[in-house]
Amino acid sequence: MTTPAPVDDKAIEKALAHHGSHQAEYLEELKKLVRIPSVSFEGFDKQQVRRSAEATCDLMRRKGLQRVQMLEMPGAHPYAYGEWTQAAGRPTLLLYAHHDVQPAGEKEKWNQPDPFEPVERAGRLFARGAADDKAGVLVHIAAIDCWLKAHGALPVNVKMIVEGEEEAGSASLPAFLKKHRDLLQADAIVLTDTANFDTGLPSITTALRGIVTVQVEVKALKQPVHSGMWGGPVPDPTMALCKILARLVKDDGSINLPGIYEKVRPLTAEEKKSLAALPTSEELFRKQAGMLPGTQLLGGRPPWEMNWRQPSLAINAIQASSRRDARNIICDSAWVRLGIRTVPDMDVKEVREKLVAALQSDPPWGVKVEVTPEGDGGWWYTKGDAPAFRAARKALRDGYGKEPVTIGCGGSIPFVDPFSRELGAPALLIGVEDPYTNAHSENESLHLGDFSKATHAAIRFYAELVRAS
């Protein structure tokens, strides 16, 4: 067994020095991964996701990880795995990231010809996957490489798993975790798939919302009909759908489902204090969200409390005819996809049942309403009091030069809860995105300064975890 790397300040500085002289190399490695269009959605080239997993494995091998391999589940995109477990008597970290990405979206909205060809501009790296989550892969890899190059060893044991279907819902993950539970066993899990509250401000996420999504189709006719010849006596399914959707919310934007708020966990006094201390304002929130002048903030609570700890309803897509084919007709049917974000301690099954019942109840004008549940993901919450969190706060403070903040996330990361529950280890959510990243949207980008600071924090974290344990 190799002697673990020392964890004194000189040892940390030596690893940091290696990063300082090799930053350009790590950025080039990130660009190589980004150039692979590893979209995990159905209808996209599955071989590109496999190619991405192979490239990730190759990177792991070249940077000193051992037992590198692709781990596969039936019908799923491959995971990449590697480890370095020669630090006898030291803690073991499970490092998580994902190598798959969202579709590019509308190419004409990108400020570059190819969304998968990275472009540096104004201190940011623009490309699909540059931040979400291939930067997370490189933060882990760079920290490992810096310790190995500086000392020939790590201060801790690491196991690194890079998923290939996170953006498509992580359908195989529960079975994967059960199958490989022993292989992935660790004292703490570090997941680099969240965002900082602001550029340059390190943040630890301790709460995620869950999600319940459904598709609804409203039908009234066998085929579209002329709106002049038949309009008036014939019910319009698109209007019926609008009436159904309007019943789901009250004037203040809150969800109009009976009992929906009864199980929402109130904020503790400490959480209220933490929210109040955030360096933000309603004006900044509006700017970061891209709200148009005159539009209202909803809910009657601080916007980040609404976003992190209150449920919300969103209509994701709606279709009757199409903008391109708009003509003077009454459509035969109308379709919508919508979702409810859930928070602690809401019951996902109960929320789904209430939503489906409300959509199907008393259909306007006797139209036919078909509801198809699409998928659920549970909320997640942690107190953040394990030794790994203390170590992370110290590492982030030193890596970024700012006191870290504790935040929630309005989005859903379905794999976090099964990861933590199945492996019985605390989950530490730290990311490299910021409010201007545009993850999942056009012109996704990574702040290169934060990319460097996140790596500095990761390097320090390995040593701080030993000190805190």
Protein backbone atom coordinates (compact mmCIF):
# COMPACT_ATOMS: atom_id res chain seq x y z
CA MET A 1 0.00 0.00 0.00
CA THR A 2 1.35 3.41 -0.98
CA THR A 3 1.99 5.94 1.79
CA PRO A 4 -0.79 8.57 1.65
CA ALA A 5 0.17 12.12 0.75
CA PRO A 6 0.80 14.46 3.70
CA VAL A 7 -1.94 16.99 4.55
CA ASP A 8 0.07 19.89 5.98
CA ASP A 9 -0.06 23.33 4.38
CA LYS A 10 3.18 22.79 2.45
CA ALA A 11 1.79 19.64 0.86
CA ILE A 12 -1.37 21.48 -0.19
CA GLU A 13 0.62 24.36 -1.65
CA LYS A 14 2.76 21.95 -3.67
CA ALA A 15 -0.36 20.40 -5.24
CA LEU A 16 -1.78 23.87 -5.90
CA ALA A 17 1.47 24.91 -7.56
CA HIS A 18 1.17 22.03 -10.01
CA HIS A 19 -2.31 23.24 -10.91
CA GLY A 20 -1.02 26.75 -11.41
CA SER A 21 1.48 25.60 -14.02
CA HIS A 22 -0.91 23.19 -15.78
CA GLN A 23 -4.22 25.09 -15.94
CA ALA A 24 -4.05 25.36 -19.73
CA GLU A 25 -3.63 21.58 -19.97
CA TYR A 26 -6.77 20.93 -17.91
CA LEU A 27 -8.73 23.42 -20.00
CA GLU A 28 -7.67 21.61 -23.18
CA GLU A 29 -8.78 18.29 -21.66
CA LEU A 30 -12.17 19.86 -20.94
CA LYS A 31 -12.44 21.09 -24.52
CA LYS A 32 -11.71 17.57 -25.82
CA LEU A 33 -14.63 16.16 -23.84
CA VAL A 34 -16.93 19.02 -24.84
CA ARG A 35 -16.33 18.38 -28.55
CA ILE A 36 -18.06 14.98 -28.21
CA PRO A 37 -21.84 15.60 -28.64
CA SER A 38 -22.86 13.14 -25.93
CA VAL A 39 -26.61 13.87 -25.92
CA SER A 40 -28.31 11.07 -23.98
CA PHE A 41 -31.88 11.78 -25.15
CA GLU A 42 -33.77 9.29 -27.32
CA GLY A 43 -33.35 10.03 -31.02
CA PHE A 44 -29.71 11.13 -30.73
CA ASP A 45 -26.64 9.10 -31.66
CA LYS A 46 -25.99 6.65 -28.83
CA GLN A 47 -22.50 5.98 -30.15
CA GLN A 48 -21.50 9.53 -29.28
CA VAL A 49 -22.39 8.89 -25.62
CA ARG A 50 -20.32 5.69 -25.71
CA ARG A 51 -17.50 7.63 -27.31
CA SER A 52 -17.75 10.15 -24.47
CA ALA A 53 -17.54 7.39 -21.86
CA GLU A 54 -14.48 5.96 -23.61
CA ALA A 55 -12.83 9.39 -23.69
CA THR A 56 -13.58 9.85 -19.98
CA CYS A 57 -12.01 6.47 -19.21
CA ASP A 58 -8.96 7.40 -21.29
CA LEU A 59 -8.62 10.66 -19.34
CA MET A 60 -8.88 8.78 -16.02
CA ARG A 61 -6.12 6.36 -17.04
CA ARG A 62 -3.81 9.11 -18.25
CA LYS A 63 -4.23 11.03 -14.98
CA GLY A 64 -3.40 8.14 -12.69
CA LEU A 65 -6.66 6.44 -11.74
CA GLN A 66 -6.68 2.65 -11.54
CA ARG A 67 -9.21 -0.12 -12.30
CA VAL A 68 -10.61 2.18 -14.98
CA GLN A 69 -13.54 0.64 -16.82
CA MET A 70 -16.91 1.26 -18.38
CA LEU A 71 -19.75 -0.08 -16.27
CA GLU A 72 -22.89 -0.93 -18.20
CA MET A 73 -26.53 -1.70 -17.51
CA PRO A 74 -28.99 -3.20 -20.03
CA GLY A 75 -30.41 -0.54 -22.31
CA ALA A 76 -28.49 2.28 -20.62
CA HIS A 77 -25.67 4.60 -21.62
CA PRO A 78 -22.32 3.57 -20.09
CA TYR A 79 -20.81 4.84 -16.85
CA ALA A 80 -17.08 5.52 -16.56
CA TYR A 81 -15.35 4.35 -13.39
CA GLY A 82 -11.86 4.69 -11.93
CA GLU A 83 -10.31 4.68 -8.46
CA TRP A 84 -7.21 5.32 -6.40
CA THR A 85 -7.52 3.48 -3.08
CA GLN A 86 -4.01 3.18 -1.64
CA ALA A 87 -4.34 5.58 1.29
CA ALA A 88 -4.60 3.05 4.10
CA GLY A 89 -6.53 4.27 7.12
CA ARG A 90 -7.74 7.42 5.34
CA PRO A 91 -11.36 8.33 4.36
CA THR A 92 -12.79 7.26 1.00
CA LEU A 93 -14.55 9.74 -1.27
CA LEU A 94 -16.96 8.82 -4.04
CA LEU A 95 -16.68 11.53 -6.70
CA TYR A 96 -19.65 11.91 -9.04
CA ALA A 97 -20.11 13.76 -12.32
CA HIS A 98 -21.90 13.01 -15.60
CA HIS A 99 -20.53 13.04 -19.14
CA ASP A 100 -23.84 13.20 -21.02
CA VAL A 101 -25.38 16.52 -22.04
CA GLN A 102 -28.63 18.15 -23.10
CA PRO A 103 -29.48 18.67 -26.78
CA ALA A 104 -28.00 21.86 -28.23
CA GLY A 105 -31.42 23.50 -28.65
CA GLU A 106 -31.97 26.04 -31.43
CA LYS A 107 -28.63 26.43 -33.18
CA GLU A 108 -29.51 29.84 -34.59
CA LYS A 109 -29.68 31.18 -31.02
CA TRP A 110 -26.06 30.23 -30.31
CA ASN A 111 -23.44 32.92 -30.74
CA GLN A 112 -21.13 30.45 -32.48
CA PRO A 113 -21.50 28.15 -35.50
CA ASP A 114 -21.17 24.86 -33.60
CA PRO A 115 -22.53 24.49 -30.04
CA PHE A 116 -20.06 21.64 -29.44
CA GLU A 117 -16.97 23.55 -30.52
CA PRO A 118 -15.83 25.43 -27.39
CA VAL A 119 -15.19 29.17 -27.72
CA GLU A 120 -13.47 31.36 -25.12
CA ARG A 121 -15.03 34.79 -24.79
CA ALA A 122 -14.98 37.40 -22.01
CA GLY A 123 -13.51 35.00 -19.46
CA ARG A 124 -16.01 32.23 -20.15
CA LEU A 125 -15.98 29.01 -22.14
CA PHE A 126 -19.09 28.68 -24.34
CA ALA A 127 -20.29 25.25 -25.48
CA ARG A 128 -22.91 22.68 -24.65
CA GLY A 129 -21.67 20.67 -21.66
CA ALA A 130 -18.87 23.11 -20.85
CA ALA A 131 -20.33 23.62 -17.38
CA ASP A 132 -23.02 20.95 -17.08
CA ASP A 133 -21.26 18.72 -16.31
CA LYS A 134 -17.99 18.15 -18.11
CA ALA A 135 -16.38 20.87 -16.04
CA GLY A 136 -17.33 18.75 -13.01
CA VAL A 137 -15.43 15.82 -14.52
CA LEU A 138 -12.32 17.97 -14.94
CA VAL A 139 -12.50 19.49 -11.45
CA HIS A 140 -12.25 15.98 -10.01
CA ILE A 141 -9.60 14.82 -12.49
CA ALA A 142 -7.43 17.92 -12.11
CA ALA A 143 -7.45 17.71 -8.29
CA ILE A 144 -6.45 14.03 -8.42
CA ASP A 145 -3.74 14.69 -10.99
CA CYS A 146 -2.28 17.60 -9.01
CA TRP A 147 -1.85 15.48 -5.87
CA LEU A 148 -0.43 12.52 -7.77
CA LYS A 149 2.02 14.67 -9.74
CA ALA A 150 3.08 16.63 -6.66
CA HIS A 151 3.37 13.75 -4.17
CA GLY A 152 2.88 10.46 -6.01
CA ALA A 153 -0.14 9.79 -3.79
CA LEU A 154 -3.46 11.24 -2.63
CA PRO A 155 -4.33 12.23 0.94
CA VAL A 156 -7.54 10.17 0.70
CA ASN A 157 -8.95 7.25 -1.23
CA VAL A 158 -11.11 8.18 -4.21
CA LYS A 159 -13.60 6.34 -6.35
CA MET A 160 -14.88 8.26 -9.37
CA ILE A 161 -18.11 7.47 -11.19
CA VAL A 162 -19.16 9.46 -14.26
CA GLU A 163 -22.73 8.76 -15.36
CA GLY A 164 -23.93 8.69 -18.97
CA GLU A 165 -27.66 9.26 -18.67
CA GLU A 166 -28.20 11.91 -15.98
CA GLU A 167 -29.76 14.37 -18.42
CA ALA A 168 -32.16 11.66 -19.60
CA GLY A 169 -33.42 10.86 -16.10
CA SER A 170 -30.93 8.34 -14.63
CA ALA A 171 -33.40 5.51 -15.19
CA SER A 172 -30.83 2.75 -14.59
CA LEU A 173 -29.24 4.35 -11.53
CA PRO A 174 -31.24 2.59 -8.74
CA ALA A 175 -30.43 -0.83 -10.21
CA PHE A 176 -26.84 0.26 -10.89
CA LEU A 177 -26.34 1.30 -7.26
CA LYS A 178 -27.69 -1.97 -5.95
CA LYS A 179 -25.50 -3.97 -8.33
CA HIS A 180 -22.30 -2.04 -7.55
CA ARG A 181 -22.96 -1.09 -3.94
CA ASP A 182 -19.77 -2.68 -2.63
CA LEU A 183 -17.62 -1.16 -5.37
CA LEU A 184 -18.97 2.35 -4.69
CA GLN A 185 -18.90 2.24 -0.89
CA ALA A 186 -17.43 5.43 0.56
CA ASP A 187 -17.42 7.68 3.62
CA ALA A 188 -18.79 10.68 1.70
CA ILE A 189 -20.07 11.49 -1.78
CA VAL A 190 -19.05 14.63 -3.68
CA LEU A 191 -21.36 15.58 -6.54
CA THR A 192 -20.25 18.42 -8.83
CA ASP A 193 -23.56 19.08 -10.58
CA THR A 194 -24.95 22.18 -8.89
CA ALA A 195 -24.33 25.93 -9.06
CA ASN A 196 -22.82 28.70 -7.00
CA PHE A 197 -25.20 31.38 -5.78
CA ASP A 198 -23.20 33.98 -7.69
CA THR A 199 -20.02 34.14 -9.72
CA GLY A 200 -17.05 33.75 -7.39
CA LEU A 201 -19.23 32.90 -4.38
CA PRO A 202 -18.74 29.25 -3.25
CA SER A 203 -21.96 27.50 -2.34
CA ILE A 204 -23.03 24.21 -0.79
CA THR A 205 -26.47 22.95 -1.78
CA THR A 206 -28.40 21.24 1.02
CA ALA A 207 -31.92 21.03 -0.48
CA LEU A 208 -33.30 20.00 -3.87
CA ARG A 209 -36.87 20.07 -5.07
CA GLY A 210 -38.49 16.95 -6.49
CA ILE A 211 -40.65 16.82 -9.60
CA VAL A 212 -43.89 15.26 -10.86
CA THR A 213 -44.58 15.55 -14.60
CA VAL A 214 -47.59 14.61 -16.71
CA GLN A 215 -48.82 14.97 -20.28
CA VAL A 216 -52.42 15.95 -20.94
CA GLU A 217 -54.38 15.69 -24.18
CA VAL A 218 -57.83 17.21 -24.63
CA LYS A 219 -59.96 15.98 -27.55
CA ALA A 220 -63.29 17.17 -28.93
CA LEU A 221 -63.33 16.38 -32.67
CA LYS A 222 -62.37 13.61 -35.08
CA GLN A 223 -60.43 16.14 -37.16
CA PRO A 224 -59.77 19.90 -37.31
CA VAL A 225 -62.69 21.91 -38.75
CA HIS A 226 -63.14 25.33 -40.34
CA SER A 227 -63.49 27.89 -37.55
CA GLY A 228 -65.99 29.94 -39.55
CA MET A 229 -68.17 27.10 -40.76
CA TRP A 230 -68.34 25.35 -37.37
CA GLY A 231 -67.25 27.92 -34.77
CA GLY A 232 -69.79 28.70 -32.06
CA PRO A 233 -71.64 25.46 -31.33
CA VAL A 234 -68.55 23.26 -31.55
CA PRO A 235 -66.39 23.23 -28.36
CA ASP A 236 -62.78 24.27 -28.83
CA PRO A 237 -60.45 21.72 -27.15
CA THR A 238 -57.64 24.27 -26.97
CA MET A 239 -59.84 26.68 -25.05
CA ALA A 240 -61.01 23.79 -22.86
CA LEU A 241 -57.39 22.95 -22.07
CA CYS A 242 -56.70 26.60 -21.19
CA LYS A 243 -59.66 26.58 -18.78
CA ILE A 244 -58.39 23.36 -17.16
CA LEU A 245 -54.89 24.78 -16.75
CA ALA A 246 -56.18 28.08 -15.35
CA ARG A 247 -57.91 26.19 -12.54
CA LEU A 248 -54.57 24.84 -11.32
CA VAL A 249 -53.28 28.16 -9.95
CA LYS A 250 -54.64 31.03 -7.91
CA ASP A 251 -54.18 34.71 -8.74
CA ASP A 252 -50.99 34.89 -6.64
CA GLY A 253 -49.45 32.00 -8.57
CA SER A 254 -49.86 29.44 -5.79
CA ILE A 255 -51.00 25.94 -6.69
CA ASN A 256 -54.76 25.42 -6.43
CA LEU A 257 -54.85 21.77 -5.36
CA PRO A 258 -56.56 20.81 -2.07
CA GLY A 259 -54.09 20.19 0.75
CA ILE A 260 -51.04 20.66 -1.47
CA TYR A 261 -49.25 22.85 1.09
CA GLU A 262 -50.13 20.89 4.24
CA LYS A 263 -46.90 18.84 4.29
CA VAL A 264 -44.49 21.58 3.24
CA ARG A 265 -41.73 21.70 5.85
CA PRO A 266 -41.38 25.15 7.45
CA LEU A 267 -37.99 26.83 7.50
CA THR A 268 -36.06 26.67 10.75
CA ALA A 269 -34.87 29.87 12.41
CA GLU A 270 -31.34 29.10 11.23
CA GLU A 271 -32.52 28.62 7.63
CA LYS A 272 -34.40 31.92 7.71
CA LYS A 273 -31.27 33.62 8.99
CA SER A 274 -29.18 32.01 6.24
CA LEU A 275 -31.63 33.17 3.56
CA ALA A 276 -31.68 36.71 4.91
CA ALA A 277 -27.88 36.85 4.84
CA LEU A 278 -27.58 36.01 1.14
CA PRO A 279 -26.03 38.81 -0.95
CA THR A 280 -29.09 39.38 -3.10
CA SER A 281 -32.16 41.53 -3.70
CA GLU A 282 -35.41 41.30 -5.62
CA GLU A 283 -33.84 43.46 -8.34
CA LEU A 284 -30.88 41.09 -8.70
CA PHE A 285 -33.18 38.09 -8.76
CA ARG A 286 -35.25 39.67 -11.54
CA LYS A 287 -32.10 40.42 -13.53
CA GLN A 288 -30.66 36.92 -13.16
CA ALA A 289 -33.99 35.34 -14.10
CA GLY A 290 -34.31 37.60 -17.14
CA MET A 291 -37.72 38.93 -16.11
CA LEU A 292 -39.24 41.62 -18.33
CA PRO A 293 -40.05 45.04 -16.85
CA GLY A 294 -43.48 45.13 -15.21
CA THR A 295 -43.76 41.39 -14.59
CA GLN A 296 -44.50 40.47 -10.99
CA LEU A 297 -42.67 38.27 -8.53
CA LEU A 298 -45.10 35.70 -7.14
CA GLY A 299 -45.72 34.07 -3.79
CA GLY A 300 -45.41 36.86 -1.24
CA ARG A 301 -42.17 35.40 0.18
CA PRO A 302 -38.50 36.12 -0.57
CA PRO A 303 -37.89 34.81 -4.10
CA TRP A 304 -35.21 32.30 -3.10
CA GLU A 305 -37.46 30.84 -0.41
CA MET A 306 -40.15 30.44 -3.06
CA ASN A 307 -37.67 28.82 -5.42
CA TRP A 308 -36.01 26.45 -2.96
CA ARG A 309 -38.59 25.58 -0.32
CA GLN A 310 -42.06 26.09 -1.84
CA PRO A 311 -43.72 23.94 -4.51
CA SER A 312 -44.34 25.41 -7.95
CA LEU A 313 -46.18 24.49 -11.12
CA ALA A 314 -44.88 25.10 -14.64
CA ILE A 315 -46.25 24.46 -18.13
CA ASN A 316 -43.26 23.20 -20.11
CA ALA A 317 -44.82 22.86 -23.57
CA ILE A 318 -48.23 23.32 -25.16
CA GLN A 319 -49.43 22.51 -28.65
CA ALA A 320 -52.65 22.61 -30.62
CA SER A 321 -51.73 23.43 -34.19
CA SER A 322 -48.36 25.14 -34.64
CA ARG A 323 -47.10 28.66 -35.19
CA ARG A 324 -45.87 27.72 -38.64
CA ASP A 325 -49.14 26.05 -39.68
CA ALA A 326 -51.53 28.49 -37.98
CA ARG A 327 -54.77 28.75 -39.95
CA ASN A 328 -58.47 29.44 -39.36
CA ILE A 329 -59.47 26.17 -37.72
CA ILE A 330 -60.81 24.69 -34.53
CA CYS A 331 -58.17 22.14 -33.60
CA ASP A 332 -59.30 18.59 -32.99
CA SER A 333 -57.08 18.27 -29.90
CA ALA A 334 -54.67 20.15 -27.67
CA TRP A 335 -51.71 18.83 -25.71
CA VAL A 336 -49.63 20.06 -22.79
CA ARG A 337 -46.74 18.89 -20.65
CA LEU A 338 -46.60 20.27 -17.14
CA GLY A 339 -44.86 19.58 -13.86
CA ILE A 340 -45.00 20.33 -10.17
CA ARG A 341 -41.79 20.84 -8.19
CA THR A 342 -42.07 19.33 -4.71
CA VAL A 343 -40.26 20.20 -1.48
CA PRO A 344 -39.66 18.54 1.92
CA ASP A 345 -41.89 16.81 3.24
CA MET A 346 -44.32 16.43 0.33
CA ASP A 347 -45.37 12.97 -0.81
CA VAL A 348 -44.71 12.55 -4.54
CA LYS A 349 -47.41 9.91 -5.04
CA GLU A 350 -49.98 12.07 -3.26
CA VAL A 351 -49.07 15.12 -5.35
CA ARG A 352 -49.40 13.13 -8.56
CA GLU A 353 -52.82 11.82 -7.54
CA LYS A 354 -54.07 15.32 -6.68
CA LEU A 355 -52.79 16.71 -9.98
CA VAL A 356 -54.32 13.97 -12.12
CA ALA A 357 -57.65 14.29 -10.28
CA ALA A 358 -57.75 18.06 -10.84
CA LEU A 359 -56.96 17.70 -14.53
CA GLN A 360 -59.67 15.10 -15.11
CA SER A 361 -62.37 16.63 -12.90
CA ASP A 362 -65.39 18.27 -14.55
CA PRO A 363 -63.99 18.68 -18.09
CA PRO A 364 -65.34 21.83 -19.80
CA TRP A 365 -68.12 21.15 -22.34
CA GLY A 366 -67.70 17.39 -21.98
CA VAL A 367 -64.36 17.22 -23.82
CA LYS A 368 -62.26 14.09 -23.47
CA VAL A 369 -59.24 14.47 -21.16
CA GLU A 370 -56.41 11.94 -21.18
CA VAL A 371 -53.66 12.27 -18.55
CA THR A 372 -50.41 10.32 -18.90
CA PRO A 373 -48.02 10.41 -15.92
CA GLU A 374 -44.51 10.83 -17.26
CA GLY A 375 -42.11 10.60 -14.34
CA ASP A 376 -41.37 11.47 -10.73
CA GLY A 377 -38.28 12.46 -8.83
CA GLY A 378 -38.04 12.85 -5.07
CA TRP A 379 -36.89 15.94 -3.17
CA TRP A 380 -33.71 15.80 -1.10
CA TYR A 381 -32.59 17.56 2.07
CA THR A 382 -29.60 17.35 4.40
CA LYS A 383 -28.62 19.22 7.55
CA GLY A 384 -25.04 19.47 6.32
CA ASP A 385 -23.44 18.72 9.70
CA ALA A 386 -21.22 15.75 8.78
CA PRO A 387 -17.39 16.14 8.97
CA ALA A 388 -17.27 16.30 5.16
CA PHE A 389 -19.29 19.52 5.23
CA ARG A 390 -16.94 21.14 7.75
CA ALA A 391 -13.99 20.18 5.57
CA ALA A 392 -15.72 21.47 2.46
CA ARG A 393 -16.51 24.85 4.00
CA LYS A 394 -12.85 25.35 4.94
CA ALA A 395 -11.65 24.20 1.49
CA LEU A 396 -14.13 26.43 -0.34
CA ARG A 397 -13.27 29.43 1.83
CA ASP A 398 -9.57 29.03 1.06
CA GLY A 399 -10.10 28.04 -2.59
CA TYR A 400 -12.36 30.96 -3.51
CA GLY A 401 -11.19 33.50 -0.95
CA LYS A 402 -14.78 34.03 0.21
CA GLU A 403 -16.96 32.60 2.96
CA PRO A 404 -19.19 29.89 1.42
CA VAL A 405 -22.96 30.12 1.64
CA THR A 406 -25.52 27.37 2.15
CA ILE A 407 -28.24 27.33 -0.49
CA GLY A 408 -31.07 25.28 -1.90
CA CYS A 409 -31.80 24.47 -5.52
CA GLY A 410 -35.15 24.87 -7.23
CA GLY A 411 -34.26 22.14 -9.68
CA SER A 412 -34.33 18.38 -9.27
CA ILE A 413 -31.40 15.97 -9.33
CA PRO A 414 -33.14 12.61 -8.94
CA PHE A 415 -29.97 10.59 -8.40
CA VAL A 416 -28.88 12.37 -5.20
CA ASP A 417 -31.36 10.75 -2.82
CA PRO A 418 -30.85 7.15 -4.07
CA PHE A 419 -27.07 7.67 -4.05
CA SER A 420 -27.01 8.85 -0.45
CA ARG A 421 -29.63 6.39 0.78
CA GLU A 422 -28.27 3.27 -0.95
CA LEU A 423 -24.65 3.91 0.02
CA GLY A 424 -25.40 5.26 3.49
CA ALA A 425 -23.05 8.22 3.08
CA PRO A 426 -23.55 12.00 3.30
CA ALA A 427 -23.86 13.73 -0.08
CA LEU A 428 -21.97 16.97 -0.64
CA LEU A 429 -23.27 19.05 -3.56
CA ILE A 430 -20.75 21.54 -4.93
CA GLY A 431 -20.81 22.89 -8.48
CA VAL A 432 -19.10 25.20 -10.95
CA GLU A 433 -22.13 26.77 -12.60
CA ASP A 434 -23.28 30.31 -11.81
CA PRO A 435 -26.44 32.35 -12.55
CA TYR A 436 -25.14 33.20 -16.02
CA THR A 437 -24.24 29.66 -17.12
CA ASN A 438 -27.45 29.05 -19.13
CA ALA A 439 -27.31 25.32 -18.45
CA HIS A 440 -29.80 23.46 -20.69
CA SER A 441 -30.28 26.64 -22.75
CA GLU A 442 -28.48 28.10 -25.71
CA ASN A 443 -25.05 29.68 -25.10
CA GLU A 444 -24.23 27.55 -22.07
CA SER A 445 -20.96 28.72 -20.57
CA LEU A 446 -18.42 28.14 -17.81
CA HIS A 447 -16.77 30.97 -15.89
CA LEU A 448 -13.08 30.13 -16.23
CA GLY A 449 -12.14 31.90 -13.01
CA ASP A 450 -14.61 29.76 -11.06
CA PHE A 451 -13.35 26.64 -12.88
CA SER A 452 -9.90 27.35 -11.45
CA LYS A 453 -11.19 28.23 -7.97
CA ALA A 454 -13.36 25.10 -7.84
CA THR A 455 -10.30 22.99 -8.60
CA HIS A 456 -8.29 24.79 -5.90
CA ALA A 457 -11.10 24.01 -3.44
CA ALA A 458 -11.17 20.34 -4.51
CA ILE A 459 -7.41 20.06 -4.01
CA ARG A 460 -7.71 21.54 -0.53
CA PHE A 461 -10.77 19.43 0.32
CA TYR A 462 -8.87 16.13 0.12
CA ALA A 463 -6.49 17.33 2.83
CA GLU A 464 -9.16 19.07 4.92
CA LEU A 465 -11.27 15.89 5.04
CA VAL A 466 -8.38 14.04 6.69
CA ARG A 467 -7.97 16.86 9.18
CA ALA A 468 -11.70 16.91 9.98
CA SER A 469 -12.09 13.14 10.37
